[in-house]
Protein backbone atom coordinates (compact mmCIF):
# COMPACT_ATOMS: atom_id res chain seq x y z
CA UNK A 1 9.88 10.47 -10.64
CA UNK A 2 12.15 7.57 -11.37
CA UNK A 3 13.39 6.51 -14.83
CA UNK A 4 14.79 3.10 -15.51
CA UNK A 5 16.67 2.24 -18.64
CA UNK A 6 14.93 -1.32 -19.73
CA UNK A 7 18.05 -2.80 -21.27
CA UNK A 8 19.90 -2.42 -18.05
CA UNK A 9 17.39 -3.10 -15.55
CA UNK A 10 18.66 -5.09 -12.47
CA UNK A 11 15.27 -6.41 -11.15
CA UNK A 12 11.95 -7.31 -12.57
CA UNK A 13 9.56 -4.48 -13.05
CA UNK A 14 7.04 -5.70 -10.39
CA UNK A 15 9.94 -4.99 -7.89
CA UNK A 16 10.43 -1.55 -9.24
CA UNK A 17 6.73 -0.85 -8.80
CA UNK A 18 6.76 -1.79 -5.32
CA UNK A 19 9.75 -0.01 -4.28
CA UNK A 20 8.36 3.37 -6.01
CA UNK A 21 4.90 2.93 -5.66
CA UNK A 22 4.29 6.46 -4.96
CA UNK A 23 5.63 7.91 -7.83
CA UNK A 24 5.46 7.56 -11.78
CA UNK A 25 8.46 5.05 -13.13
CA UNK A 26 9.34 6.27 -16.84
CA UNK A 27 10.66 3.16 -18.84
CA UNK A 28 13.36 3.95 -21.47
CA UNK A 29 15.03 2.01 -24.05
CA UNK A 30 18.22 3.37 -25.31
CA UNK A 31 17.73 6.68 -23.65
CA UNK A 32 14.28 7.27 -25.23
CA UNK A 33 10.88 7.18 -22.92
CA UNK A 34 8.70 4.24 -24.10
CA UNK A 35 6.13 3.55 -21.36
CA UNK A 36 5.11 4.72 -17.74
CA UNK A 37 4.35 2.68 -14.72
CA UNK A 38 2.00 4.52 -12.52
CA UNK A 39 0.17 3.64 -9.33
CA UNK A 40 -3.50 3.04 -8.97
CA UNK A 41 -3.59 3.93 -5.15
CA UNK A 42 -4.94 7.33 -5.45
CA UNK A 43 -6.74 6.98 -9.04
CA UNK A 44 -8.89 4.65 -10.81
CA UNK A 45 -8.62 3.24 -14.42
CA UNK A 46 -11.22 5.47 -15.96
CA UNK A 47 -9.11 8.44 -14.88
CA UNK A 48 -6.15 7.38 -16.35
CA UNK A 49 -7.70 6.72 -19.70
CA UNK A 50 -9.33 9.95 -19.52
CA UNK A 51 -6.02 11.67 -19.17
CA UNK A 52 -4.69 10.29 -21.99
CA UNK A 53 -7.69 10.93 -24.43
CA UNK A 54 -6.79 13.17 -27.01
CA UNK A 55 -10.54 14.46 -27.28
CA UNK A 56 -10.89 15.01 -23.61
CA UNK A 57 -7.61 16.88 -23.41
CA UNK A 58 -8.83 19.23 -26.06
CA UNK A 59 -11.77 20.04 -24.47
CA UNK A 60 -9.95 20.52 -21.17
CA UNK A 61 -7.68 23.06 -23.33
CA UNK A 62 -10.49 24.78 -24.79
CA UNK A 63 -12.14 25.54 -21.55
CA UNK A 64 -8.67 26.68 -19.95
CA UNK A 65 -8.53 29.33 -23.04
CA UNK A 66 -11.97 30.52 -22.59
CA UNK A 67 -11.58 30.76 -18.68
CA UNK A 68 -8.39 33.03 -19.29
CA UNK A 69 -10.23 35.03 -21.84
CA UNK A 70 -13.01 35.74 -19.48
CA UNK A 71 -15.62 33.37 -20.79
CA UNK A 72 -16.84 32.13 -17.33
CA UNK A 73 -20.00 31.88 -15.11
CA UNK A 74 -20.57 32.40 -11.69
CA UNK A 75 -22.55 29.18 -9.87
CA UNK A 76 -25.61 31.30 -9.76
CA UNK A 77 -25.33 32.06 -13.49
CA UNK A 78 -24.57 28.27 -14.02
CA UNK A 79 -27.80 27.46 -12.30
CA UNK A 80 -29.78 29.49 -14.30
CA UNK A 81 -28.53 28.15 -17.48
CA UNK A 82 -29.11 24.78 -16.51
CA UNK A 83 -32.61 25.09 -14.62
């Protein structure tokens, strides 16, 4: 991950995006992160939006906690539940 201070950037953001196309670029202003530039090479807009959606993140966290607590189904159990 590359960090770029906006106030001292020596080239346009498009140049940085091309140079670091396989990693995220964190943009900072006065040392504080304000934005991220990320490549869509291996992703799609919907995945990015979901990854930042608070409701979706809460669902994922709850599922992880349930899994850690032993609340899980085998594939066969899941099929029986759904069919």
